[in-house]
C-alpha atoms as a PDB file:
ATOM      1  CA  UNK A   1     -10.173  13.630 -10.738  1.00  0.00           C
ATOM      2  CA  UNK A   2     -12.733  13.632 -13.499  1.00  0.00           C
ATOM      3  CA  UNK A   3     -13.316  10.316 -15.246  1.00  0.00           C
ATOM      4  CA  UNK A   4     -13.654   9.808 -18.974  1.00  0.00           C
ATOM      5  CA  UNK A   5     -14.780   6.338 -20.028  1.00  0.00           C
ATOM      6  CA  UNK A   6     -14.216   6.869 -23.733  1.00  0.00           C
ATOM      7  CA  UNK A   7     -11.984   4.320 -25.428  1.00  0.00           C
ATOM      8  CA  UNK A   8     -11.446   0.626 -24.888  1.00  0.00           C
ATOM      9  CA  UNK A   9      -9.273  -0.723 -22.085  1.00  0.00           C
ATOM     10  CA  UNK A  10      -8.610  -4.304 -21.053  1.00  0.00           C
ATOM     11  CA  UNK A  11      -8.342  -3.297 -17.390  1.00  0.00           C
ATOM     12  CA  UNK A  12      -9.296  -0.332 -15.214  1.00  0.00           C
ATOM     13  CA  UNK A  13      -7.816   0.563 -11.843  1.00  0.00           C
ATOM     14  CA  UNK A  14      -8.503   3.295  -9.317  1.00  0.00           C
ATOM     15  CA  UNK A  15      -6.176   4.885  -6.773  1.00  0.00           C
ATOM     16  CA  UNK A  16      -7.961   5.833  -3.550  1.00  0.00           C
ATOM     17  CA  UNK A  17      -5.641   8.630  -2.422  1.00  0.00           C
ATOM     18  CA  UNK A  18      -5.673   9.045   1.360  1.00  0.00           C
ATOM     19  CA  UNK A  19      -3.034  11.784   1.576  1.00  0.00           C
ATOM     20  CA  UNK A  20      -2.670  15.291   0.182  1.00  0.00           C
ATOM     21  CA  UNK A  21       0.125  15.696  -2.358  1.00  0.00           C
ATOM     22  CA  UNK A  22       3.270  17.110  -0.772  1.00  0.00           C
ATOM     23  CA  UNK A  23       4.887  20.096  -2.464  1.00  0.00           C
ATOM     24  CA  UNK A  24       7.962  17.970  -3.174  1.00  0.00           C
ATOM     25  CA  UNK A  25       6.021  15.152  -4.832  1.00  0.00           C
ATOM     26  CA  UNK A  26       3.993  17.645  -6.876  1.00  0.00           C
ATOM     27  CA  UNK A  27       7.182  19.361  -8.069  1.00  0.00           C
ATOM     28  CA  UNK A  28       9.225  16.224  -8.805  1.00  0.00           C
ATOM     29  CA  UNK A  29       6.541  13.753  -9.914  1.00  0.00           C
ATOM     30  CA  UNK A  30       3.390  15.738 -10.608  1.00  0.00           C
ATOM     31  CA  UNK A  31       1.609  14.187  -7.599  1.00  0.00           C
ATOM     32  CA  UNK A  32       1.217  10.813  -5.892  1.00  0.00           C
ATOM     33  CA  UNK A  33      -1.050   9.572  -8.670  1.00  0.00           C
ATOM     34  CA  UNK A  34       1.906   9.555 -11.058  1.00  0.00           C
ATOM     35  CA  UNK A  35       4.079   7.807  -8.457  1.00  0.00           C
ATOM     36  CA  UNK A  36       1.569   4.961  -8.085  1.00  0.00           C
ATOM     37  CA  UNK A  37       0.881   4.563 -11.793  1.00  0.00           C
ATOM     38  CA  UNK A  38       4.624   4.460 -12.521  1.00  0.00           C
ATOM     39  CA  UNK A  39       4.999   1.757  -9.857  1.00  0.00           C
ATOM     40  CA  UNK A  40       1.988  -0.449 -10.633  1.00  0.00           C
ATOM     41  CA  UNK A  41       0.832   0.422 -14.151  1.00  0.00           C
ATOM     42  CA  UNK A  42       2.066  -1.666 -17.075  1.00  0.00           C
ATOM     43  CA  UNK A  43       0.317  -1.307 -20.382  1.00  0.00           C
ATOM     44  CA  UNK A  44      -1.268   1.288 -22.614  1.00  0.00           C
ATOM     45  CA  UNK A  45      -4.405  -0.834 -22.536  1.00  0.00           C
ATOM     46  CA  UNK A  46      -4.874  -0.079 -18.839  1.00  0.00           C
ATOM     47  CA  UNK A  47      -6.697   2.926 -17.469  1.00  0.00           C
ATOM     48  CA  UNK A  48      -5.921   4.409 -14.060  1.00  0.00           C
ATOM     49  CA  UNK A  49      -8.088   6.982 -12.303  1.00  0.00           C
ATOM     50  CA  UNK A  50      -7.870   8.662  -8.919  1.00  0.00           C
ATOM     51  CA  UNK A  51     -10.312   9.536  -6.140  1.00  0.00           C
ATOM     52  CA  UNK A  52      -9.049  11.880  -3.440  1.00  0.00           C
ATOM     53  CA  UNK A  53     -10.810  10.096  -0.604  1.00  0.00           C
ATOM     54  CA  UNK A  54      -8.936  12.255   1.926  1.00  0.00           C
ATOM     55  CA  UNK A  55     -10.965  15.173   0.503  1.00  0.00           C
ATOM     56  CA  UNK A  56     -14.233  13.224   0.493  1.00  0.00           C
ATOM     57  CA  UNK A  57     -14.150  12.200  -3.188  1.00  0.00           C
ATOM     58  CA  UNK A  58     -15.442   8.642  -3.628  1.00  0.00           C
ATOM     59  CA  UNK A  59     -16.602   6.509  -6.572  1.00  0.00           C
ATOM     60  CA  UNK A  60     -20.303   5.778  -6.813  1.00  0.00           C
ATOM     61  CA  UNK A  61     -21.549   2.228  -7.365  1.00  0.00           C
ATOM     62  CA  UNK A  62     -21.777   2.692 -11.131  1.00  0.00           C
ATOM     63  CA  UNK A  63     -18.107   3.697 -11.192  1.00  0.00           C
ATOM     64  CA  UNK A  64     -17.061   0.938  -8.765  1.00  0.00           C
ATOM     65  CA  UNK A  65     -18.417  -1.721 -11.096  1.00  0.00           C
ATOM     66  CA  UNK A  66     -16.179  -0.504 -13.930  1.00  0.00           C
ATOM     67  CA  UNK A  67     -12.912  -1.184 -12.097  1.00  0.00           C
ATOM     68  CA  UNK A  68     -10.922  -4.408 -11.927  1.00  0.00           C
ATOM     69  CA  UNK A  69      -8.873  -3.310  -8.934  1.00  0.00           C
ATOM     70  CA  UNK A  70      -8.255  -0.586  -6.374  1.00  0.00           C
ATOM     71  CA  UNK A  71      -5.152   0.687  -4.562  1.00  0.00           C
ATOM     72  CA  UNK A  72      -5.463   2.462  -1.190  1.00  0.00           C
ATOM     73  CA  UNK A  73      -2.513   4.749  -0.500  1.00  0.00           C
ATOM     74  CA  UNK A  74      -0.651   5.693   2.646  1.00  0.00           C
ATOM     75  CA  UNK A  75      -1.749   8.660   4.743  1.00  0.00           C
ATOM     76  CA  UNK A  76      -0.646  10.931   7.609  1.00  0.00           C
ATOM     77  CA  UNK A  77      -3.965  10.059   9.303  1.00  0.00           C
ATOM     78  CA  UNK A  78      -4.600   7.188  11.720  1.00  0.00           C
ATOM     79  CA  UNK A  79      -6.429   4.227  10.187  1.00  0.00           C
ATOM     80  CA  UNK A  80      -8.272   3.776  13.496  1.00  0.00           C
ATOM     81  CA  UNK A  81      -9.524   7.371  13.462  1.00  0.00           C
ATOM     82  CA  UNK A  82     -13.189   8.303  13.143  1.00  0.00           C
ATOM     83  CA  UNK A  83     -12.898  11.096  10.589  1.00  0.00           C
ATOM     84  CA  UNK A  84     -15.910  11.061   8.276  1.00  0.00           C
ATOM     85  CA  UNK A  85     -13.849  10.212   5.199  1.00  0.00           C
ATOM     86  CA  UNK A  86     -12.104   7.314   6.989  1.00  0.00           C
ATOM     87  CA  UNK A  87     -15.462   5.853   8.008  1.00  0.00           C
ATOM     88  CA  UNK A  88     -16.774   6.282   4.454  1.00  0.00           C
ATOM     89  CA  UNK A  89     -13.623   4.649   3.095  1.00  0.00           C
ATOM     90  CA  UNK A  90     -14.131   1.720   5.464  1.00  0.00           C
ATOM     91  CA  UNK A  91     -17.679   1.269   4.142  1.00  0.00           C
ATOM     92  CA  UNK A  92     -16.412   1.388   0.555  1.00  0.00           C
ATOM     93  CA  UNK A  93     -13.774  -1.256   1.325  1.00  0.00           C
ATOM     94  CA  UNK A  94     -16.459  -3.505   2.793  1.00  0.00           C
ATOM     95  CA  UNK A  95     -18.414  -3.103  -0.441  1.00  0.00           C
ATOM     96  CA  UNK A  96     -15.362  -3.886  -2.568  1.00  0.00           C
ATOM     97  CA  UNK A  97     -14.717  -6.975  -0.455  1.00  0.00           C
ATOM     98  CA  UNK A  98     -18.293  -8.190  -0.919  1.00  0.00           C
ATOM     99  CA  UNK A  99     -17.959  -7.658  -4.686  1.00  0.00           C
ATOM    100  CA  UNK A 100     -14.629  -9.542  -4.626  1.00  0.00           C
ATOM    101  CA  UNK A 101     -12.851  -6.635  -6.280  1.00  0.00           C
ATOM    102  CA  UNK A 102      -9.075  -6.721  -6.031  1.00  0.00           C
ATOM    103  CA  UNK A 103      -7.899  -4.292  -3.338  1.00  0.00           C
ATOM    104  CA  UNK A 104      -4.252  -3.500  -2.567  1.00  0.00           C
ATOM    105  CA  UNK A 105      -3.655  -1.524   0.628  1.00  0.00           C
ATOM    106  CA  UNK A 106      -0.342   0.290   1.192  1.00  0.00           C
ATOM    107  CA  UNK A 107       0.722   1.397   4.726  1.00  0.00           C
ATOM    108  CA  UNK A 108      -2.386   3.306   5.943  1.00  0.00           C
ATOM    109  CA  UNK A 109      -4.263   1.439   3.213  1.00  0.00           C
ATOM    110  CA  UNK A 110      -3.037  -1.887   4.650  1.00  0.00           C
ATOM    111  CA  UNK A 111      -4.255  -0.841   8.098  1.00  0.00           C
ATOM    112  CA  UNK A 112      -7.622   0.657   7.135  1.00  0.00           C
ATOM    113  CA  UNK A 113      -8.358  -2.380   4.965  1.00  0.00           C
ATOM    114  CA  UNK A 114      -7.743  -4.590   7.985  1.00  0.00           C
ATOM    115  CA  UNK A 115      -9.960  -2.396  10.171  1.00  0.00           C
ATOM    116  CA  UNK A 116     -12.791  -2.258   7.633  1.00  0.00           C
ATOM    117  CA  UNK A 117     -12.915  -6.046   7.402  1.00  0.00           C
ATOM    118  CA  UNK A 118     -13.037  -6.618  11.157  1.00  0.00           C
ATOM    119  CA  UNK A 119      -9.411  -6.538  12.305  1.00  0.00           C
ATOM    120  CA  UNK A 120      -7.737  -4.231  14.831  1.00  0.00           C
ATOM    121  CA  UNK A 121      -5.067  -1.587  14.283  1.00  0.00           C
ATOM    122  CA  UNK A 122      -3.271   0.816  16.596  1.00  0.00           C
ATOM    123  CA  UNK A 123       0.002   2.435  17.606  1.00  0.00           C
ATOM    124  CA  UNK A 124       3.088   0.246  17.523  1.00  0.00           C
ATOM    125  CA  UNK A 125       4.639  -0.520  20.903  1.00  0.00           C
ATOM    126  CA  UNK A 126       8.079  -0.093  19.364  1.00  0.00           C
ATOM    127  CA  UNK A 127       7.465   3.365  17.885  1.00  0.00           C
ATOM    128  CA  UNK A 128       8.299   4.634  14.423  1.00  0.00           C
ATOM    129  CA  UNK A 129       9.724   2.421  11.710  1.00  0.00           C
ATOM    130  CA  UNK A 130      11.360   4.680   9.111  1.00  0.00           C
ATOM    131  CA  UNK A 131      13.938   3.641   6.550  1.00  0.00           C
ATOM    132  CA  UNK A 132      14.736   0.229   5.120  1.00  0.00           C
ATOM    133  CA  UNK A 133      13.466  -2.972   6.729  1.00  0.00           C
ATOM    134  CA  UNK A 134      14.063  -6.620   5.854  1.00  0.00           C
ATOM    135  CA  UNK A 135      10.756  -8.481   5.541  1.00  0.00           C
ATOM    136  CA  UNK A 136      10.459 -12.269   5.803  1.00  0.00           C
ATOM    137  CA  UNK A 137       8.034 -13.961   3.405  1.00  0.00           C
ATOM    138  CA  UNK A 138       6.218 -16.881   5.051  1.00  0.00           C
ATOM    139  CA  UNK A 139       7.382 -20.150   3.501  1.00  0.00           C
ATOM    140  CA  UNK A 140       4.064 -21.961   2.881  1.00  0.00           C
ATOM    141  CA  UNK A 141       2.288 -19.674   0.428  1.00  0.00           C
ATOM    142  CA  UNK A 142       0.478 -22.077  -1.888  1.00  0.00           C
ATOM    143  CA  UNK A 143      -2.695 -19.902  -2.036  1.00  0.00           C
ATOM    144  CA  UNK A 144      -0.694 -16.812  -3.117  1.00  0.00           C
ATOM    145  CA  UNK A 145      -0.198 -17.210  -6.846  1.00  0.00           C
ATOM    146  CA  UNK A 146       1.245 -13.699  -7.127  1.00  0.00           C
ATOM    147  CA  UNK A 147       4.244 -14.748  -4.980  1.00  0.00           C
ATOM    148  CA  UNK A 148       5.079 -18.073  -6.580  1.00  0.00           C
ATOM    149  CA  UNK A 149       7.572 -16.788  -9.162  1.00  0.00           C
ATOM    150  CA  UNK A 150       9.382 -14.867  -6.433  1.00  0.00           C
ATOM    151  CA  UNK A 151       9.634 -17.893  -4.167  1.00  0.00           C
ATOM    152  CA  UNK A 152      11.042 -20.025  -6.967  1.00  0.00           C
ATOM    153  CA  UNK A 153      14.087 -17.766  -7.282  1.00  0.00           C
ATOM    154  CA  UNK A 154      14.605 -16.944  -3.599  1.00  0.00           C
ATOM    155  CA  UNK A 155      16.360 -19.021  -0.976  1.00  0.00           C
ATOM    156  CA  UNK A 156      14.335 -20.173   2.014  1.00  0.00           C
ATOM    157  CA  UNK A 157      13.158 -18.218   3.867  1.00  0.00           C
ATOM    158  CA  UNK A 158      12.557 -15.517   1.251  1.00  0.00           C
ATOM    159  CA  UNK A 159      13.529 -12.056   2.495  1.00  0.00           C
ATOM    160  CA  UNK A 160      12.965  -8.698   0.796  1.00  0.00           C
ATOM    161  CA  UNK A 161      13.922  -5.161   1.812  1.00  0.00           C
ATOM    162  CA  UNK A 162      11.269  -2.441   1.651  1.00  0.00           C
ATOM    163  CA  UNK A 163      11.000   1.272   2.480  1.00  0.00           C
ATOM    164  CA  UNK A 164       8.983   1.876   5.653  1.00  0.00           C
ATOM    165  CA  UNK A 165       7.425   4.945   7.263  1.00  0.00           C
ATOM    166  CA  UNK A 166       4.829   4.213   9.951  1.00  0.00           C
ATOM    167  CA  UNK A 167       4.120   4.279  13.667  1.00  0.00           C
ATOM    168  CA  UNK A 168       0.835   2.329  13.525  1.00  0.00           C
ATOM    169  CA  UNK A 169       0.377  -1.341  12.740  1.00  0.00           C
ATOM    170  CA  UNK A 170      -2.091  -4.201  12.398  1.00  0.00           C
ATOM    171  CA  UNK A 171      -2.731  -5.848  15.758  1.00  0.00           C
ATOM    172  CA  UNK A 172      -5.387  -8.396  14.845  1.00  0.00           C
ATOM    173  CA  UNK A 173      -6.307  -9.736  11.415  1.00  0.00           C
ATOM    174  CA  UNK A 174      -9.853  -9.998  10.034  1.00  0.00           C
ATOM    175  CA  UNK A 175     -11.474 -13.429   9.916  1.00  0.00           C
ATOM    176  CA  UNK A 176     -10.079 -15.499   7.063  1.00  0.00           C
ATOM    177  CA  UNK A 177      -6.946 -13.374   6.645  1.00  0.00           C
ATOM    178  CA  UNK A 178      -3.445 -14.859   6.588  1.00  0.00           C
ATOM    179  CA  UNK A 179      -0.112 -13.286   7.490  1.00  0.00           C
ATOM    180  CA  UNK A 180       2.213 -13.773   4.532  1.00  0.00           C
ATOM    181  CA  UNK A 181       5.149 -11.611   5.678  1.00  0.00           C
ATOM    182  CA  UNK A 182       6.615 -10.327   8.951  1.00  0.00           C
ATOM    183  CA  UNK A 183       9.697  -8.502  10.247  1.00  0.00           C
ATOM    184  CA  UNK A 184      11.586  -8.126  13.506  1.00  0.00           C
ATOM    185  CA  UNK A 185       9.737  -4.812  13.992  1.00  0.00           C
ATOM    186  CA  UNK A 186       6.203  -5.590  12.800  1.00  0.00           C
ATOM    187  CA  UNK A 187       4.297  -8.863  13.063  1.00  0.00           C
ATOM    188  CA  UNK A 188       1.995  -8.243  10.081  1.00  0.00           C
ATOM    189  CA  UNK A 189       4.010  -6.823   7.195  1.00  0.00           C
ATOM    190  CA  UNK A 190       1.686  -8.396   4.615  1.00  0.00           C
ATOM    191  CA  UNK A 191      -1.673 -10.111   4.794  1.00  0.00           C
ATOM    192  CA  UNK A 192      -4.029 -11.563   2.251  1.00  0.00           C
ATOM    193  CA  UNK A 193      -7.600 -12.778   2.029  1.00  0.00           C
ATOM    194  CA  UNK A 194      -8.074 -15.167  -0.864  1.00  0.00           C
ATOM    195  CA  UNK A 195      -6.755 -13.773  -4.128  1.00  0.00           C
ATOM    196  CA  UNK A 196      -8.544 -10.414  -3.958  1.00  0.00           C
ATOM    197  CA  UNK A 197      -7.271  -8.676  -0.796  1.00  0.00           C
ATOM    198  CA  UNK A 198      -3.612  -7.772  -0.168  1.00  0.00           C
ATOM    199  CA  UNK A 199      -2.178  -5.464   2.477  1.00  0.00           C
ATOM    200  CA  UNK A 200       1.462  -4.308   2.569  1.00  0.00           C
ATOM    201  CA  UNK A 201       2.737  -2.272   5.520  1.00  0.00           C
ATOM    202  CA  UNK A 202       5.754  -0.876   3.660  1.00  0.00           C
ATOM    203  CA  UNK A 203       5.937   1.393   0.622  1.00  0.00           C
ATOM    204  CA  UNK A 204       6.738  -0.425  -2.644  1.00  0.00           C
ATOM    205  CA  UNK A 205       5.934   2.785  -4.531  1.00  0.00           C
ATOM    206  CA  UNK A 206       8.432   4.998  -2.648  1.00  0.00           C
ATOM    207  CA  UNK A 207      11.885   6.038  -3.809  1.00  0.00           C
ATOM    208  CA  UNK A 208      14.658   7.131  -1.447  1.00  0.00           C
ATOM    209  CA  UNK A 209      14.215  10.793  -2.326  1.00  0.00           C
ATOM    210  CA  UNK A 210      10.502  10.700  -1.468  1.00  0.00           C
ATOM    211  CA  UNK A 211      11.280   9.202   1.939  1.00  0.00           C
ATOM    212  CA  UNK A 212      14.128  11.656   2.597  1.00  0.00           C
ATOM    213  CA  UNK A 213      11.765  14.550   1.936  1.00  0.00           C
ATOM    214  CA  UNK A 214       9.157  12.962   4.210  1.00  0.00           C
ATOM    215  CA  UNK A 215      11.763  12.654   6.977  1.00  0.00           C
ATOM    216  CA  UNK A 216      12.500  16.381   6.568  1.00  0.00           C
ATOM    217  CA  UNK A 217       8.800  17.198   6.954  1.00  0.00           C
ATOM    218  CA  UNK A 218       8.360  14.937   9.995  1.00  0.00           C
ATOM    219  CA  UNK A 219      11.342  16.633  11.661  1.00  0.00           C
ATOM    220  CA  UNK A 220       9.963  20.091  10.853  1.00  0.00           C
ATOM    221  CA  UNK A 221       6.609  19.093  12.378  1.00  0.00           C
ATOM    222  CA  UNK A 222       8.355  17.670  15.493  1.00  0.00           C
ATOM    223  CA  UNK A 223       6.700  14.329  14.721  1.00  0.00           C
ATOM    224  CA  UNK A 224       9.998  12.442  15.069  1.00  0.00           C
ATOM    225  CA  UNK A 225      13.187  12.995  17.040  1.00  0.00           C
ATOM    226  CA  UNK A 226      16.463  13.759  15.312  1.00  0.00           C
ATOM    227  CA  UNK A 227      17.910  10.408  16.435  1.00  0.00           C
ATOM    228  CA  UNK A 228      15.110   8.590  14.592  1.00  0.00           C
ATOM    229  CA  UNK A 229      15.814  10.635  11.466  1.00  0.00           C
ATOM    230  CA  UNK A 230      19.560   9.944  11.644  1.00  0.00           C
ATOM    231  CA  UNK A 231      18.970   6.208  12.012  1.00  0.00           C
ATOM    232  CA  UNK A 232      16.545   6.207   9.081  1.00  0.00           C
ATOM    233  CA  UNK A 233      18.930   8.121   6.820  1.00  0.00           C
ATOM    234  CA  UNK A 234      21.811   5.837   7.793  1.00  0.00           C
ATOM    235  CA  UNK A 235      19.824   2.751   6.821  1.00  0.00           C
ATOM    236  CA  UNK A 236      18.808   4.397   3.549  1.00  0.00           C
ATOM    237  CA  UNK A 237      22.421   5.193   2.671  1.00  0.00           C
ATOM    238  CA  UNK A 238      23.802   1.745   3.448  1.00  0.00           C
ATOM    239  CA  UNK A 239      21.354  -0.521   1.609  1.00  0.00           C
ATOM    240  CA  UNK A 240      18.878  -0.695  -1.255  1.00  0.00           C
ATOM    241  CA  UNK A 241      15.209  -1.632  -1.285  1.00  0.00           C
ATOM    242  CA  UNK A 242      14.034  -4.513  -3.475  1.00  0.00           C
ATOM    243  CA  UNK A 243      11.751  -2.045  -5.202  1.00  0.00           C
ATOM    244  CA  UNK A 244      11.337  -3.854  -8.513  1.00  0.00           C
ATOM    245  CA  UNK A 245      10.477  -7.161  -6.818  1.00  0.00           C
ATOM    246  CA  UNK A 246       7.911  -5.449  -4.586  1.00  0.00           C
ATOM    247  CA  UNK A 247       6.339  -3.695  -7.537  1.00  0.00           C
ATOM    248  CA  UNK A 248       6.286  -6.966  -9.487  1.00  0.00           C
ATOM    249  CA  UNK A 249       4.412  -8.582  -6.575  1.00  0.00           C
ATOM    250  CA  UNK A 250       1.835  -5.774  -6.602  1.00  0.00           C
ATOM    251  CA  UNK A 251       1.412  -5.958 -10.374  1.00  0.00           C
ATOM    252  CA  UNK A 252       1.027  -9.731 -10.286  1.00  0.00           C
ATOM    253  CA  UNK A 253      -1.639  -9.400  -7.584  1.00  0.00           C
ATOM    254  CA  UNK A 254      -3.608  -6.677  -9.366  1.00  0.00           C
ATOM    255  CA  UNK A 255      -3.429  -8.302 -12.785  1.00  0.00           C
ATOM    256  CA  UNK A 256      -3.789 -11.988 -11.862  1.00  0.00           C
ATOM    257  CA  UNK A 257      -6.527 -13.470 -14.013  1.00  0.00           C
ATOM    258  CA  UNK A 258      -6.077 -10.793 -16.697  1.00  0.00           C
ATOM    259  CA  UNK A 259      -2.671 -11.771 -18.055  1.00  0.00           C
ATOM    260  CA  UNK A 260      -3.736 -14.517 -20.454  1.00  0.00           C
END
């Protein structure tokens, strides 16, 4: 996506898109960019741009310096793969880490962020996790300012439901990283490094219809069995994700230090 720096903005953010737009998302939402901006954007004074890293489109250093934060999307690719664009993305994430830029990784983004910074990722021993999943927030989170408001209104331990769609997971965290959420399916549902790195395994940006369409596509591709799809749809029908709370967490992380 072309970038126009005209005008004044208090904050600038970039989506590093690691997946092609599905036909459904293009038709219903105009593309994943609009999905992410609707989920994490807040004010007219913000500017959001997109780089289709899956197609080899990356910001140069001059552009990197202009942004206050970055979001790395999910992807049908493996975060531990050696595709050229994944290796280039890993190098970019190392640069962003060294510059202490805020980086939010979602699903694949969570995993590739972990890999880039020295952790290990791979296939989950328990297979696919698709549908709704209850996630436990670790109790002692004093370093995580973006979670404090949430913890003040939640009972202990805090638990939130999120939409999931993954068969890979984080196996080993980078040095200095902390697990801040886990589930009965996945040991690292969220991790953080300081106040500038946050990984979330689930999809705070997804709606039920986006996941239902993704389930249809995975079935068509023979990527999942029909029993997995039925279980996922059943869980979707019988509960609701805490979408607003998850999106509030992401916004608080991305905008911390800019809200005064």
